[in-house]
């Protein structure tokens, strides 16, 4: 019987990163088709992969789910998006929580 070959940590992280991106494309497709329970499951799986292999979720997908209940946020269906004082505010219809994200980078005040 042959010896099993293990992947090194970098290879595992690369594979996990690809799978996370693939899961989020499937999340978007399922949510637009109306299957929100499967979309929520895919978000759950992507988060588990991210935590297990210490791979960050890509920035373009970070705002796609609620940071409190981890449900997929589809504007108008599962969440609401508003602009308030230079911030993007996401409201989750499931857990009734807010997530705020600045629209621009850090603003620096000029010294007088």
N, C-alpha and C. Protein backbone atom coordinates (compact mmCIF):
# COMPACT_ATOMS: atom_id res chain seq x y z
N UNK A 1 0.85 -1.17 0.00
CA UNK A 1 0.00 0.00 0.00
C UNK A 1 0.89 1.23 0.00
N UNK A 2 0.58 2.18 -0.87
CA UNK A 2 1.40 3.37 -1.02
C UNK A 2 1.27 4.35 0.14
N UNK A 3 2.22 5.22 0.22
CA UNK A 3 2.25 6.23 1.27
C UNK A 3 1.39 7.41 0.84
N UNK A 4 0.55 7.92 1.77
CA UNK A 4 -0.29 9.07 1.45
C UNK A 4 0.56 10.33 1.43
N UNK A 5 0.32 11.16 0.46
CA UNK A 5 1.07 12.40 0.33
C UNK A 5 0.19 13.55 0.79
N UNK A 6 0.67 14.32 1.75
CA UNK A 6 -0.09 15.46 2.27
C UNK A 6 0.32 16.73 1.53
N UNK A 7 -0.65 17.60 1.35
CA UNK A 7 -0.36 18.90 0.76
C UNK A 7 0.23 19.81 1.82
N UNK A 8 1.11 20.68 1.41
CA UNK A 8 1.65 21.61 2.39
C UNK A 8 0.62 22.71 2.67
N UNK A 9 0.90 23.53 3.66
CA UNK A 9 -0.08 24.50 4.15
C UNK A 9 -0.47 25.51 3.06
N UNK A 10 0.49 25.96 2.27
CA UNK A 10 0.21 26.95 1.21
C UNK A 10 -0.72 26.35 0.16
N UNK A 11 -0.51 25.12 -0.21
CA UNK A 11 -1.37 24.47 -1.19
C UNK A 11 -2.79 24.31 -0.65
N UNK A 12 -2.90 23.94 0.63
CA UNK A 12 -4.22 23.81 1.25
C UNK A 12 -4.95 25.16 1.26
N UNK A 13 -4.23 26.23 1.56
CA UNK A 13 -4.85 27.55 1.59
C UNK A 13 -5.27 28.01 0.21
N UNK A 14 -4.48 27.68 -0.81
CA UNK A 14 -4.86 28.03 -2.19
C UNK A 14 -6.13 27.30 -2.60
N UNK A 15 -6.22 26.02 -2.28
CA UNK A 15 -7.41 25.24 -2.62
C UNK A 15 -8.62 25.78 -1.87
N UNK A 16 -8.44 26.10 -0.59
CA UNK A 16 -9.54 26.65 0.22
C UNK A 16 -10.00 27.99 -0.35
N UNK A 17 -9.06 28.82 -0.77
CA UNK A 17 -9.41 30.12 -1.35
C UNK A 17 -10.24 29.95 -2.62
N UNK A 18 -9.86 29.02 -3.48
CA UNK A 18 -10.62 28.75 -4.69
C UNK A 18 -12.03 28.24 -4.36
N UNK A 19 -12.11 27.37 -3.37
CA UNK A 19 -13.42 26.83 -3.00
C UNK A 19 -14.31 27.90 -2.39
N UNK A 20 -13.74 28.82 -1.62
CA UNK A 20 -14.52 29.91 -1.03
C UNK A 20 -15.09 30.80 -2.13
N UNK A 21 -14.24 31.15 -3.10
CA UNK A 21 -14.72 31.96 -4.22
C UNK A 21 -15.81 31.24 -5.01
N UNK A 22 -15.63 29.95 -5.23
CA UNK A 22 -16.63 29.16 -5.96
C UNK A 22 -17.93 29.10 -5.19
N UNK A 23 -17.85 28.91 -3.87
CA UNK A 23 -19.07 28.86 -3.06
C UNK A 23 -19.82 30.18 -3.11
N UNK A 24 -19.12 31.30 -3.10
CA UNK A 24 -19.81 32.58 -3.15
C UNK A 24 -20.45 32.86 -4.52
N UNK A 25 -19.86 32.33 -5.59
CA UNK A 25 -20.55 32.46 -6.88
C UNK A 25 -21.82 31.61 -6.89
N UNK A 26 -21.75 30.42 -6.26
CA UNK A 26 -22.94 29.58 -6.15
C UNK A 26 -23.99 30.22 -5.23
N UNK A 27 -23.54 30.91 -4.19
CA UNK A 27 -24.45 31.60 -3.28
C UNK A 27 -25.27 32.62 -4.06
N UNK A 28 -24.60 33.43 -4.86
CA UNK A 28 -25.30 34.46 -5.62
C UNK A 28 -26.29 33.84 -6.59
N UNK A 29 -25.88 32.78 -7.25
CA UNK A 29 -26.76 32.13 -8.23
C UNK A 29 -28.01 31.54 -7.55
N UNK A 30 -27.81 30.85 -6.42
CA UNK A 30 -28.93 30.24 -5.71
C UNK A 30 -29.88 31.29 -5.13
N UNK A 31 -29.32 32.37 -4.60
CA UNK A 31 -30.15 33.42 -4.02
C UNK A 31 -31.01 34.09 -5.09
N UNK A 32 -30.43 34.34 -6.25
CA UNK A 32 -31.20 34.95 -7.32
C UNK A 32 -32.26 34.01 -7.87
N UNK A 33 -32.02 32.70 -7.76
CA UNK A 33 -33.03 31.72 -8.17
C UNK A 33 -34.13 31.56 -7.13
N UNK A 34 -33.90 32.06 -5.92
CA UNK A 34 -34.91 32.01 -4.88
C UNK A 34 -34.69 30.95 -3.82
N UNK A 35 -33.61 30.19 -3.92
CA UNK A 35 -33.32 29.14 -2.94
C UNK A 35 -32.40 29.71 -1.85
N UNK A 36 -32.99 30.44 -0.89
CA UNK A 36 -32.21 31.13 0.12
C UNK A 36 -31.65 30.20 1.18
N UNK A 37 -32.30 29.08 1.44
CA UNK A 37 -31.77 28.15 2.45
C UNK A 37 -30.46 27.52 1.96
N UNK A 38 -30.39 27.20 0.69
CA UNK A 38 -29.16 26.65 0.14
C UNK A 38 -28.07 27.72 0.08
N UNK A 39 -28.45 28.97 -0.23
CA UNK A 39 -27.49 30.07 -0.23
C UNK A 39 -26.90 30.27 1.16
N UNK A 40 -27.74 30.19 2.19
CA UNK A 40 -27.26 30.33 3.57
C UNK A 40 -26.31 29.19 3.93
N UNK A 41 -26.60 28.00 3.46
CA UNK A 41 -25.74 26.84 3.71
C UNK A 41 -24.38 27.03 3.06
N UNK A 42 -24.36 27.56 1.84
CA UNK A 42 -23.09 27.81 1.15
C UNK A 42 -22.26 28.86 1.89
N UNK A 43 -22.91 29.89 2.43
CA UNK A 43 -22.19 30.89 3.22
C UNK A 43 -21.58 30.23 4.44
N UNK A 44 -22.36 29.36 5.08
CA UNK A 44 -21.87 28.63 6.26
C UNK A 44 -20.63 27.80 5.91
N UNK A 45 -20.68 27.09 4.78
CA UNK A 45 -19.55 26.27 4.36
C UNK A 45 -18.32 27.12 4.03
N UNK A 46 -18.53 28.25 3.37
CA UNK A 46 -17.42 29.14 3.03
C UNK A 46 -16.76 29.68 4.30
N UNK A 47 -17.56 30.02 5.29
CA UNK A 47 -17.01 30.52 6.55
C UNK A 47 -16.22 29.42 7.27
N UNK A 48 -16.73 28.19 7.24
CA UNK A 48 -16.02 27.08 7.89
C UNK A 48 -14.67 26.83 7.21
N UNK A 49 -14.64 26.88 5.89
CA UNK A 49 -13.38 26.72 5.17
C UNK A 49 -12.40 27.84 5.53
N UNK A 50 -12.93 29.05 5.59
CA UNK A 50 -12.10 30.20 5.91
C UNK A 50 -11.48 30.07 7.30
N UNK A 51 -12.26 29.62 8.26
CA UNK A 51 -11.75 29.48 9.62
C UNK A 51 -10.80 28.28 9.75
N UNK A 52 -11.09 27.20 9.09
CA UNK A 52 -10.27 25.99 9.23
C UNK A 52 -8.88 26.20 8.65
N UNK A 53 -8.80 26.81 7.46
CA UNK A 53 -7.52 26.96 6.78
C UNK A 53 -6.92 28.35 6.94
N UNK A 54 -7.52 29.18 7.78
CA UNK A 54 -7.02 30.54 8.07
C UNK A 54 -6.86 31.37 6.80
N UNK A 55 -7.87 31.31 5.95
CA UNK A 55 -7.90 32.07 4.70
C UNK A 55 -8.97 33.15 4.85
N UNK A 56 -8.62 34.42 4.63
CA UNK A 56 -9.66 35.45 4.76
C UNK A 56 -10.68 35.37 3.63
N UNK A 57 -11.90 35.75 3.94
CA UNK A 57 -12.94 35.83 2.92
C UNK A 57 -12.61 37.03 2.04
N UNK A 58 -12.66 36.89 0.73
CA UNK A 58 -12.29 38.00 -0.15
C UNK A 58 -13.13 39.25 0.12
N UNK A 59 -12.53 40.43 0.01
CA UNK A 59 -13.23 41.68 0.36
C UNK A 59 -14.51 41.92 -0.42
N UNK A 60 -14.58 41.44 -1.65
CA UNK A 60 -15.79 41.68 -2.45
C UNK A 60 -16.97 40.86 -1.95
N UNK A 61 -16.70 39.83 -1.12
CA UNK A 61 -17.78 39.00 -0.59
C UNK A 61 -18.08 39.25 0.88
N UNK A 62 -17.29 40.08 1.54
CA UNK A 62 -17.47 40.29 2.98
C UNK A 62 -18.80 40.95 3.31
N UNK A 63 -19.29 41.81 2.43
CA UNK A 63 -20.55 42.50 2.71
C UNK A 63 -21.77 41.69 2.27
N UNK A 64 -21.56 40.52 1.73
CA UNK A 64 -22.66 39.72 1.18
C UNK A 64 -23.46 38.96 2.23
N UNK A 65 -22.96 38.89 3.45
CA UNK A 65 -23.69 38.14 4.47
C UNK A 65 -23.70 38.92 5.78
N UNK A 66 -24.69 38.62 6.60
CA UNK A 66 -24.84 39.28 7.89
C UNK A 66 -23.73 38.83 8.83
N UNK A 67 -23.11 39.77 9.52
CA UNK A 67 -22.01 39.44 10.42
C UNK A 67 -22.50 38.87 11.75
N UNK A 68 -23.81 38.88 11.98
CA UNK A 68 -24.35 38.42 13.26
C UNK A 68 -25.00 37.03 13.13
N UNK A 69 -25.81 36.83 12.10
CA UNK A 69 -26.48 35.53 11.95
C UNK A 69 -25.96 34.75 10.74
N UNK A 70 -25.06 35.35 9.95
CA UNK A 70 -24.40 34.71 8.81
C UNK A 70 -25.37 34.26 7.72
N UNK A 71 -26.42 35.01 7.53
CA UNK A 71 -27.35 34.75 6.42
C UNK A 71 -26.91 35.58 5.21
N UNK A 72 -27.21 35.09 4.03
CA UNK A 72 -26.91 35.83 2.81
C UNK A 72 -27.83 37.04 2.73
N UNK A 73 -27.28 38.20 2.44
CA UNK A 73 -28.06 39.43 2.34
C UNK A 73 -28.32 39.77 0.88
N UNK A 74 -29.53 39.59 0.47
CA UNK A 74 -29.98 39.95 -0.87
C UNK A 74 -30.80 41.22 -0.72
N UNK A 75 -30.32 42.34 -1.25
CA UNK A 75 -31.02 43.62 -1.04
C UNK A 75 -32.48 43.56 -1.46
N UNK A 76 -33.34 43.97 -0.53
CA UNK A 76 -34.76 43.98 -0.78
C UNK A 76 -35.48 42.70 -0.42
N UNK A 77 -34.75 41.59 -0.30
CA UNK A 77 -35.37 40.31 0.03
C UNK A 77 -35.01 39.88 1.45
N UNK A 78 -33.73 39.82 1.75
CA UNK A 78 -33.30 39.41 3.09
C UNK A 78 -32.62 40.53 3.85
N UNK A 79 -32.44 41.66 3.21
CA UNK A 79 -31.78 42.78 3.87
C UNK A 79 -32.06 44.10 3.18
N UNK A 80 -31.70 45.16 3.87
CA UNK A 80 -31.91 46.51 3.36
C UNK A 80 -30.57 47.23 3.33
N UNK A 81 -30.35 48.04 2.31
CA UNK A 81 -29.11 48.80 2.18
C UNK A 81 -29.45 50.28 2.16
N UNK A 82 -28.76 51.04 3.00
CA UNK A 82 -28.97 52.49 3.07
C UNK A 82 -27.64 53.20 3.13
N UNK A 83 -27.66 54.47 2.76
CA UNK A 83 -26.50 55.33 2.91
C UNK A 83 -26.78 56.31 4.05
N UNK A 84 -25.88 56.37 5.01
CA UNK A 84 -26.05 57.29 6.12
C UNK A 84 -24.70 57.88 6.49
N UNK A 85 -24.58 59.19 6.36
CA UNK A 85 -23.39 59.92 6.81
C UNK A 85 -22.08 59.30 6.31
N UNK A 86 -22.02 59.02 5.05
CA UNK A 86 -20.80 58.49 4.45
C UNK A 86 -20.54 57.01 4.74
N UNK A 87 -21.56 56.32 5.22
CA UNK A 87 -21.41 54.89 5.52
C UNK A 87 -22.49 54.10 4.80
N UNK A 88 -22.15 52.89 4.43
CA UNK A 88 -23.10 51.96 3.85
C UNK A 88 -23.64 51.12 5.00
N UNK A 89 -24.96 51.14 5.20
CA UNK A 89 -25.57 50.44 6.33
C UNK A 89 -26.41 49.29 5.80
N UNK A 90 -26.07 48.07 6.24
CA UNK A 90 -26.81 46.87 5.88
C UNK A 90 -27.67 46.49 7.07
N UNK A 91 -28.96 46.22 6.82
CA UNK A 91 -29.88 45.80 7.87
C UNK A 91 -30.39 44.41 7.51
N UNK A 92 -30.27 43.48 8.45
CA UNK A 92 -30.69 42.11 8.23
C UNK A 92 -32.13 41.93 8.69
N UNK A 93 -32.99 41.40 7.84
CA UNK A 93 -34.38 41.17 8.20
C UNK A 93 -34.54 39.99 9.16
N UNK A 94 -33.57 39.09 9.19
CA UNK A 94 -33.69 37.90 10.03
C UNK A 94 -33.37 38.19 11.49
N UNK A 95 -32.20 38.80 11.75
CA UNK A 95 -31.78 39.03 13.14
C UNK A 95 -31.94 40.49 13.56
N UNK A 96 -32.40 41.34 12.66
CA UNK A 96 -32.66 42.76 12.94
C UNK A 96 -31.42 43.49 13.43
N UNK A 97 -30.28 43.22 12.83
CA UNK A 97 -29.05 43.91 13.23
C UNK A 97 -28.51 44.73 12.06
N UNK A 98 -27.65 45.68 12.40
CA UNK A 98 -27.05 46.58 11.43
C UNK A 98 -25.58 46.25 11.27
N UNK A 99 -25.07 46.43 10.06
CA UNK A 99 -23.63 46.38 9.80
C UNK A 99 -23.29 47.65 9.05
N UNK A 100 -22.30 48.37 9.52
CA UNK A 100 -21.91 49.63 8.89
C UNK A 100 -20.53 49.48 8.28
N UNK A 101 -20.38 50.05 7.08
CA UNK A 101 -19.11 49.99 6.38
C UNK A 101 -18.83 51.36 5.77
N UNK A 102 -17.67 51.95 6.04
CA UNK A 102 -17.38 53.26 5.45
C UNK A 102 -17.25 53.16 3.93
N UNK A 103 -17.72 54.20 3.26
CA UNK A 103 -17.65 54.20 1.80
C UNK A 103 -16.26 54.53 1.29
N UNK A 104 -15.55 55.40 2.00
CA UNK A 104 -14.23 55.81 1.59
C UNK A 104 -13.22 55.38 2.62
N UNK A 105 -11.94 55.49 2.27
CA UNK A 105 -10.90 55.16 3.23
C UNK A 105 -10.93 56.10 4.42
N UNK A 106 -9.99 55.95 5.31
CA UNK A 106 -9.94 56.77 6.50
C UNK A 106 -9.78 58.23 6.10
N UNK A 107 -10.58 59.07 6.72
CA UNK A 107 -10.49 60.50 6.46
C UNK A 107 -9.57 61.10 7.50
N UNK A 108 -8.67 61.94 7.05
CA UNK A 108 -7.73 62.57 7.96
C UNK A 108 -8.12 64.02 8.12
N UNK A 109 -8.15 64.47 9.36
CA UNK A 109 -8.47 65.85 9.63
C UNK A 109 -7.20 66.68 9.58
N UNK A 110 -7.29 67.85 8.98
CA UNK A 110 -6.13 68.73 8.91
C UNK A 110 -5.90 69.41 10.26
N UNK A 111 -4.66 69.54 10.64
CA UNK A 111 -4.34 70.21 11.89
C UNK A 111 -4.47 71.71 11.68
N UNK A 112 -5.02 72.37 12.69
CA UNK A 112 -5.20 73.82 12.59
C UNK A 112 -3.97 74.56 12.99
